[in-house]
Structures are given as C-alpha cells and as structure tokens.
All heavy atoms as atom14 arrays in JSON, in Angstrom:
{
  "sequence": "FKKVYCNELSADFLHAAKQLAAAMKISLDGFIEG",
  "atom14_mask": [
    [1, 1, 1, 1, 1, 1, 1, 1, 1, 1, 1, 0, 0, 0],
    [1, 1, 1, 1, 1, 1, 1, 1, 1, 0, 0, 0, 0, 0],
    [1, 1, 1, 1, 1, 1, 1, 1, 1, 0, 0, 0, 0, 0],
    [1, 1, 1, 1, 1, 1, 1, 0, 0, 0, 0, 0, 0, 0],
    [1, 1, 1, 1, 1, 1, 1, 1, 1, 1, 1, 1, 0, 0],
    [1, 1, 1, 1, 1, 1, 0, 0, 0, 0, 0, 0, 0, 0],
    [1, 1, 1, 1, 1, 1, 1, 1, 0, 0, 0, 0, 0, 0],
    [1, 1, 1, 1, 1, 1, 1, 1, 1, 0, 0, 0, 0, 0],
    [1, 1, 1, 1, 1, 1, 1, 1, 0, 0, 0, 0, 0, 0],
    [1, 1, 1, 1, 1, 1, 0, 0, 0, 0, 0, 0, 0, 0],
    [1, 1, 1, 1, 1, 0, 0, 0, 0, 0, 0, 0, 0, 0],
    [1, 1, 1, 1, 1, 1, 1, 1, 0, 0, 0, 0, 0, 0],
    [1, 1, 1, 1, 1, 1, 1, 1, 1, 1, 1, 0, 0, 0],
    [1, 1, 1, 1, 1, 1, 1, 1, 0, 0, 0, 0, 0, 0],
    [1, 1, 1, 1, 1, 1, 1, 1, 1, 1, 0, 0, 0, 0],
    [1, 1, 1, 1, 1, 0, 0, 0, 0, 0, 0, 0, 0, 0],
    [1, 1, 1, 1, 1, 0, 0, 0, 0, 0, 0, 0, 0, 0],
    [1, 1, 1, 1, 1, 1, 1, 1, 1, 0, 0, 0, 0, 0],
    [1, 1, 1, 1, 1, 1, 1, 1, 1, 0, 0, 0, 0, 0],
    [1, 1, 1, 1, 1, 1, 1, 1, 0, 0, 0, 0, 0, 0],
    [1, 1, 1, 1, 1, 0, 0, 0, 0, 0, 0, 0, 0, 0],
    [1, 1, 1, 1, 1, 0, 0, 0, 0, 0, 0, 0, 0, 0],
    [1, 1, 1, 1, 1, 0, 0, 0, 0, 0, 0, 0, 0, 0],
    [1, 1, 1, 1, 1, 1, 1, 1, 0, 0, 0, 0, 0, 0],
    [1, 1, 1, 1, 1, 1, 1, 1, 1, 0, 0, 0, 0, 0],
    [1, 1, 1, 1, 1, 1, 1, 1, 0, 0, 0, 0, 0, 0],
    [1, 1, 1, 1, 1, 1, 0, 0, 0, 0, 0, 0, 0, 0],
    [1, 1, 1, 1, 1, 1, 1, 1, 0, 0, 0, 0, 0, 0],
    [1, 1, 1, 1, 1, 1, 1, 1, 0, 0, 0, 0, 0, 0],
    [1, 1, 1, 1, 0, 0, 0, 0, 0, 0, 0, 0, 0, 0],
    [1, 1, 1, 1, 1, 1, 1, 1, 1, 1, 1, 0, 0, 0],
    [1, 1, 1, 1, 1, 1, 1, 1, 0, 0, 0, 0, 0, 0],
    [1, 1, 1, 1, 1, 1, 1, 1, 1, 0, 0, 0, 0, 0],
    [1, 1, 1, 1, 0, 0, 0, 0, 0, 0, 0, 0, 0, 0]
  ],
  "atom14_positions": [
    [[161.11, 97.18, 55.31], [162.35, 97.8, 55.8], [161.91, 99.07, 56.68], [161.07, 99.87, 56.17], [163.37, 98.18, 54.59], [163.95, 96.95, 54.04], [163.34, 96.01, 53.34], [165.38, 96.93, 54.14], [163.93, 94.9, 52.86], [166.06, 95.84, 53.69], [165.32, 94.84, 53.0], [0.0, 0.0, 0.0], [0.0, 0.0, 0.0], [0.0, 0.0, 0.0]],
    [[162.64, 99.24, 57.81], [162.24, 100.21, 58.77], [162.22, 101.73, 58.07], [161.23, 102.38, 58.21], [163.15, 100.2, 59.98], [162.69, 101.16, 60.94], [163.66, 101.17, 62.22], [163.25, 102.19, 63.27], [164.28, 102.07, 64.46], [0.0, 0.0, 0.0], [0.0, 0.0, 0.0], [0.0, 0.0, 0.0], [0.0, 0.0, 0.0], [0.0, 0.0, 0.0]],
    [[163.32, 102.14, 57.71], [163.47, 103.48, 57.14], [164.01, 103.34, 55.74], [164.99, 102.6, 55.43], [164.47, 104.34, 57.89], [164.1, 104.61, 59.36], [163.02, 105.62, 59.39], [162.77, 106.21, 60.94], [161.81, 107.21, 60.87], [0.0, 0.0, 0.0], [0.0, 0.0, 0.0], [0.0, 0.0, 0.0], [0.0, 0.0, 0.0], [0.0, 0.0, 0.0]],
    [[163.25, 103.97, 54.73], [163.72, 103.98, 53.36], [163.71, 105.38, 52.85], [162.7, 106.1, 52.94], [162.86, 102.99, 52.49], [163.16, 103.08, 51.07], [162.72, 101.65, 53.11], [0.0, 0.0, 0.0], [0.0, 0.0, 0.0], [0.0, 0.0, 0.0], [0.0, 0.0, 0.0], [0.0, 0.0, 0.0], [0.0, 0.0, 0.0], [0.0, 0.0, 0.0]],
    [[164.82, 105.73, 52.14], [164.96, 107.03, 51.62], [165.25, 106.94, 50.09], [165.71, 105.85, 49.65], [166.04, 107.81, 52.21], [165.81, 107.97, 53.73], [166.32, 106.91, 54.67], [165.36, 109.1, 54.28], [166.2, 107.07, 55.95], [165.1, 109.24, 55.64], [165.6, 108.24, 56.45], [165.33, 108.3, 57.88], [0.0, 0.0, 0.0], [0.0, 0.0, 0.0]],
    [[164.87, 108.0, 49.27], [165.13, 107.99, 47.85], [166.01, 109.18, 47.55], [165.74, 110.28, 47.92], [163.77, 108.07, 47.17], [163.86, 108.01, 45.43], [0.0, 0.0, 0.0], [0.0, 0.0, 0.0], [0.0, 0.0, 0.0], [0.0, 0.0, 0.0], [0.0, 0.0, 0.0], [0.0, 0.0, 0.0], [0.0, 0.0, 0.0], [0.0, 0.0, 0.0]],
    [[167.03, 108.82, 46.74], [168.01, 109.84, 46.28], [168.05, 109.84, 44.69], [168.05, 108.97, 44.1], [169.33, 109.62, 46.81], [170.52, 110.22, 46.07], [171.02, 109.54, 45.15], [170.7, 111.51, 46.28], [0.0, 0.0, 0.0], [0.0, 0.0, 0.0], [0.0, 0.0, 0.0], [0.0, 0.0, 0.0], [0.0, 0.0, 0.0], [0.0, 0.0, 0.0]],
    [[168.05, 111.13, 44.2], [168.31, 111.3, 42.84], [169.09, 112.62, 42.52], [168.83, 113.57, 43.1], [166.97, 111.32, 42.1], [166.69, 110.22, 41.08], [167.76, 110.05, 39.99], [168.31, 111.19, 39.65], [168.03, 108.97, 39.44], [0.0, 0.0, 0.0], [0.0, 0.0, 0.0], [0.0, 0.0, 0.0], [0.0, 0.0, 0.0], [0.0, 0.0, 0.0]],
    [[169.92, 112.57, 41.55], [170.59, 113.75, 41.14], [169.66, 114.64, 40.26], [169.71, 115.91, 40.39], [171.88, 113.39, 40.29], [172.86, 114.43, 39.89], [173.38, 115.25, 41.15], [173.92, 113.89, 39.02], [0.0, 0.0, 0.0], [0.0, 0.0, 0.0], [0.0, 0.0, 0.0], [0.0, 0.0, 0.0], [0.0, 0.0, 0.0], [0.0, 0.0, 0.0]],
    [[168.8, 113.92, 39.51], [167.86, 114.67, 38.74], [166.56, 115.01, 39.46], [165.88, 114.2, 40.06], [167.51, 113.79, 37.47], [166.2, 114.18, 36.99], [0.0, 0.0, 0.0], [0.0, 0.0, 0.0], [0.0, 0.0, 0.0], [0.0, 0.0, 0.0], [0.0, 0.0, 0.0], [0.0, 0.0, 0.0], [0.0, 0.0, 0.0], [0.0, 0.0, 0.0]],
    [[166.28, 116.35, 39.52], [165.14, 116.96, 40.12], [163.89, 116.32, 39.5], [162.92, 116.0, 40.25], [165.12, 118.43, 40.19], [0.0, 0.0, 0.0], [0.0, 0.0, 0.0], [0.0, 0.0, 0.0], [0.0, 0.0, 0.0], [0.0, 0.0, 0.0], [0.0, 0.0, 0.0], [0.0, 0.0, 0.0], [0.0, 0.0, 0.0], [0.0, 0.0, 0.0]],
    [[164.01, 116.09, 38.15], [162.73, 115.63, 37.52], [162.43, 114.09, 37.88], [161.27, 113.8, 38.15], [162.96, 115.6, 35.92], [162.93, 116.98, 35.38], [162.31, 118.0, 35.98], [163.41, 117.21, 34.25], [0.0, 0.0, 0.0], [0.0, 0.0, 0.0], [0.0, 0.0, 0.0], [0.0, 0.0, 0.0], [0.0, 0.0, 0.0], [0.0, 0.0, 0.0]],
    [[163.45, 113.32, 38.01], [163.26, 112.01, 38.43], [162.87, 111.83, 39.97], [162.19, 110.98, 40.28], [164.4, 111.03, 38.18], [164.43, 110.47, 36.78], [165.0, 110.88, 35.68], [163.54, 109.37, 36.64], [164.91, 110.31, 34.46], [163.36, 108.7, 35.35], [164.07, 109.18, 34.24], [0.0, 0.0, 0.0], [0.0, 0.0, 0.0], [0.0, 0.0, 0.0]],
    [[163.4, 112.79, 40.79], [163.09, 112.76, 42.16], [161.5, 113.1, 42.44], [160.83, 112.53, 43.06], [163.94, 113.76, 42.95], [163.73, 113.58, 44.42], [164.44, 112.21, 45.02], [164.57, 114.7, 45.26], [0.0, 0.0, 0.0], [0.0, 0.0, 0.0], [0.0, 0.0, 0.0], [0.0, 0.0, 0.0], [0.0, 0.0, 0.0], [0.0, 0.0, 0.0]],
    [[161.06, 114.05, 41.46], [159.71, 114.4, 41.47], [158.9, 113.13, 41.04], [157.86, 113.05, 41.57], [159.5, 115.66, 40.59], [158.07, 115.98, 40.54], [157.35, 116.65, 41.55], [157.19, 115.94, 39.38], [156.06, 116.91, 41.05], [155.98, 116.47, 39.81], [0.0, 0.0, 0.0], [0.0, 0.0, 0.0], [0.0, 0.0, 0.0], [0.0, 0.0, 0.0]],
    [[159.29, 112.55, 40.01], [158.74, 111.28, 39.51], [158.52, 110.29, 40.52], [157.47, 109.61, 40.66], [159.31, 110.89, 38.26], [0.0, 0.0, 0.0], [0.0, 0.0, 0.0], [0.0, 0.0, 0.0], [0.0, 0.0, 0.0], [0.0, 0.0, 0.0], [0.0, 0.0, 0.0], [0.0, 0.0, 0.0], [0.0, 0.0, 0.0], [0.0, 0.0, 0.0]],
    [[159.55, 110.14, 41.31], [159.57, 109.13, 42.47], [158.52, 109.61, 43.58], [157.73, 108.62, 44.03], [160.94, 109.06, 43.1], [0.0, 0.0, 0.0], [0.0, 0.0, 0.0], [0.0, 0.0, 0.0], [0.0, 0.0, 0.0], [0.0, 0.0, 0.0], [0.0, 0.0, 0.0], [0.0, 0.0, 0.0], [0.0, 0.0, 0.0], [0.0, 0.0, 0.0]],
    [[158.41, 110.74, 43.83], [157.36, 111.23, 44.77], [156.06, 110.91, 44.24], [155.02, 110.5, 44.88], [157.58, 112.81, 45.08], [158.82, 113.09, 45.83], [158.98, 114.66, 45.99], [160.26, 115.07, 46.69], [160.35, 116.5, 46.83], [0.0, 0.0, 0.0], [0.0, 0.0, 0.0], [0.0, 0.0, 0.0], [0.0, 0.0, 0.0], [0.0, 0.0, 0.0]],
    [[155.78, 111.24, 42.93], [154.53, 110.98, 42.34], [154.13, 109.55, 42.36], [153.02, 109.14, 42.7], [154.52, 111.48, 40.91], [154.72, 113.06, 40.71], [153.51, 113.75, 41.35], [152.36, 113.56, 41.01], [153.81, 114.65, 42.32], [0.0, 0.0, 0.0], [0.0, 0.0, 0.0], [0.0, 0.0, 0.0], [0.0, 0.0, 0.0], [0.0, 0.0, 0.0]],
    [[155.14, 108.7, 42.02], [154.87, 107.25, 41.98], [154.52, 106.74, 43.37], [153.62, 105.92, 43.63], [156.05, 106.45, 41.37], [155.85, 105.04, 41.26], [154.61, 104.65, 40.43], [157.03, 104.33, 40.72], [0.0, 0.0, 0.0], [0.0, 0.0, 0.0], [0.0, 0.0, 0.0], [0.0, 0.0, 0.0], [0.0, 0.0, 0.0], [0.0, 0.0, 0.0]],
    [[155.33, 107.21, 44.46], [155.08, 106.72, 45.8], [153.63, 107.12, 46.23], [153.02, 106.33, 46.86], [156.07, 107.46, 46.71], [0.0, 0.0, 0.0], [0.0, 0.0, 0.0], [0.0, 0.0, 0.0], [0.0, 0.0, 0.0], [0.0, 0.0, 0.0], [0.0, 0.0, 0.0], [0.0, 0.0, 0.0], [0.0, 0.0, 0.0], [0.0, 0.0, 0.0]],
    [[153.2, 108.38, 45.85], [151.97, 108.87, 46.26], [150.89, 108.0, 45.51], [149.83, 107.5, 46.15], [151.64, 110.18, 45.83], [0.0, 0.0, 0.0], [0.0, 0.0, 0.0], [0.0, 0.0, 0.0], [0.0, 0.0, 0.0], [0.0, 0.0, 0.0], [0.0, 0.0, 0.0], [0.0, 0.0, 0.0], [0.0, 0.0, 0.0], [0.0, 0.0, 0.0]],
    [[151.13, 107.53, 44.25], [150.12, 106.94, 43.55], [149.94, 105.48, 44.03], [148.92, 104.77, 44.03], [150.41, 106.83, 41.96], [0.0, 0.0, 0.0], [0.0, 0.0, 0.0], [0.0, 0.0, 0.0], [0.0, 0.0, 0.0], [0.0, 0.0, 0.0], [0.0, 0.0, 0.0], [0.0, 0.0, 0.0], [0.0, 0.0, 0.0], [0.0, 0.0, 0.0]],
    [[151.03, 104.93, 44.58], [151.05, 103.56, 45.16], [150.69, 103.57, 46.6], [150.62, 102.47, 47.19], [152.46, 102.88, 44.9], [152.77, 102.64, 43.39], [154.42, 101.99, 43.08], [154.1, 100.26, 43.69], [0.0, 0.0, 0.0], [0.0, 0.0, 0.0], [0.0, 0.0, 0.0], [0.0, 0.0, 0.0], [0.0, 0.0, 0.0], [0.0, 0.0, 0.0]],
    [[150.61, 104.71, 47.2], [150.2, 104.82, 48.68], [151.26, 104.16, 49.52], [150.85, 103.49, 50.57], [148.79, 104.32, 48.91], [147.69, 105.13, 48.17], [146.32, 104.52, 48.58], [145.17, 105.45, 48.06], [145.31, 105.69, 46.6], [0.0, 0.0, 0.0], [0.0, 0.0, 0.0], [0.0, 0.0, 0.0], [0.0, 0.0, 0.0], [0.0, 0.0, 0.0]],
    [[152.55, 104.47, 49.19], [153.72, 103.9, 49.94], [154.41, 105.21, 50.41], [154.9, 105.94, 49.6], [154.55, 102.98, 49.08], [153.83, 101.79, 48.69], [155.84, 102.69, 50.08], [154.71, 100.81, 47.82], [0.0, 0.0, 0.0], [0.0, 0.0, 0.0], [0.0, 0.0, 0.0], [0.0, 0.0, 0.0], [0.0, 0.0, 0.0], [0.0, 0.0, 0.0]],
    [[154.6, 105.27, 51.72], [155.2, 106.47, 52.32], [156.74, 106.25, 52.48], [157.0, 105.36, 53.47], [154.5, 106.8, 53.66], [153.2, 107.31, 53.43], [0.0, 0.0, 0.0], [0.0, 0.0, 0.0], [0.0, 0.0, 0.0], [0.0, 0.0, 0.0], [0.0, 0.0, 0.0], [0.0, 0.0, 0.0], [0.0, 0.0, 0.0], [0.0, 0.0, 0.0]],
    [[157.57, 106.92, 51.85], [159.06, 106.82, 52.07], [159.3, 107.89, 53.19], [158.61, 108.64, 53.49], [159.77, 107.06, 50.8], [159.47, 106.04, 49.74], [160.5, 106.27, 48.6], [159.82, 104.59, 50.17], [0.0, 0.0, 0.0], [0.0, 0.0, 0.0], [0.0, 0.0, 0.0], [0.0, 0.0, 0.0], [0.0, 0.0, 0.0], [0.0, 0.0, 0.0]],
    [[160.61, 107.62, 53.7], [160.95, 108.59, 54.86], [161.71, 109.82, 54.52], [161.94, 110.6, 55.32], [161.77, 107.66, 55.87], [161.01, 106.53, 56.41], [160.3, 106.72, 57.36], [161.09, 105.46, 55.85], [0.0, 0.0, 0.0], [0.0, 0.0, 0.0], [0.0, 0.0, 0.0], [0.0, 0.0, 0.0], [0.0, 0.0, 0.0], [0.0, 0.0, 0.0]],
    [[162.01, 109.95, 53.27], [162.7, 111.13, 52.84], [163.13, 111.06, 51.26], [163.39, 110.03, 50.83], [0.0, 0.0, 0.0], [0.0, 0.0, 0.0], [0.0, 0.0, 0.0], [0.0, 0.0, 0.0], [0.0, 0.0, 0.0], [0.0, 0.0, 0.0], [0.0, 0.0, 0.0], [0.0, 0.0, 0.0], [0.0, 0.0, 0.0], [0.0, 0.0, 0.0]],
    [[163.15, 112.2, 50.71], [163.66, 112.36, 49.36], [164.84, 113.34, 49.37], [164.67, 114.45, 49.77], [162.59, 112.86, 48.52], [161.4, 111.83, 48.4], [160.39, 111.82, 49.24], [161.39, 110.93, 47.28], [159.3, 111.02, 49.15], [160.3, 109.99, 47.14], [159.33, 109.99, 48.09], [0.0, 0.0, 0.0], [0.0, 0.0, 0.0], [0.0, 0.0, 0.0]],
    [[165.97, 112.94, 48.76], [167.15, 113.76, 48.81], [167.59, 113.99, 47.33], [168.06, 112.99, 46.57], [168.31, 113.02, 49.56], [167.72, 112.72, 50.97], [169.52, 113.89, 49.62], [168.54, 111.53, 51.65], [0.0, 0.0, 0.0], [0.0, 0.0, 0.0], [0.0, 0.0, 0.0], [0.0, 0.0, 0.0], [0.0, 0.0, 0.0], [0.0, 0.0, 0.0]],
    [[167.72, 115.2, 46.97], [168.22, 115.69, 45.64], [169.69, 115.87, 45.74], [170.17, 116.5, 46.59], [167.49, 116.83, 45.14], [167.87, 117.25, 43.8], [167.23, 118.61, 43.25], [166.14, 118.91, 43.81], [167.78, 119.24, 42.28], [0.0, 0.0, 0.0], [0.0, 0.0, 0.0], [0.0, 0.0, 0.0], [0.0, 0.0, 0.0], [0.0, 0.0, 0.0]],
    [[170.42, 115.33, 44.78], [171.84, 115.6, 44.78], [172.69, 114.22, 44.66], [172.14, 113.22, 44.29], [0.0, 0.0, 0.0], [0.0, 0.0, 0.0], [0.0, 0.0, 0.0], [0.0, 0.0, 0.0], [0.0, 0.0, 0.0], [0.0, 0.0, 0.0], [0.0, 0.0, 0.0], [0.0, 0.0, 0.0], [0.0, 0.0, 0.0], [0.0, 0.0, 0.0]]
  ]
}
C-alpha cells in the first residue's frame, strides 16, 4: 500500500507501534496521536 499511517489515542501504544515498526524494519509514513 502506497501510504500507510498509524493512529492511536494512547501515547503508550503509539510509541509501541513505532518500536515494533523499527524492529520489523518497516517504514510507515506517519504516526498520529489522538
């Protein structure tokens, strides 16, 4: 999929998503809290 973003209301889970993306070496196009 061309552009993929991740959204979470929880700052803890958004941070967790960033950590998982880095560990899997998959680059998402943006992370949005709220």
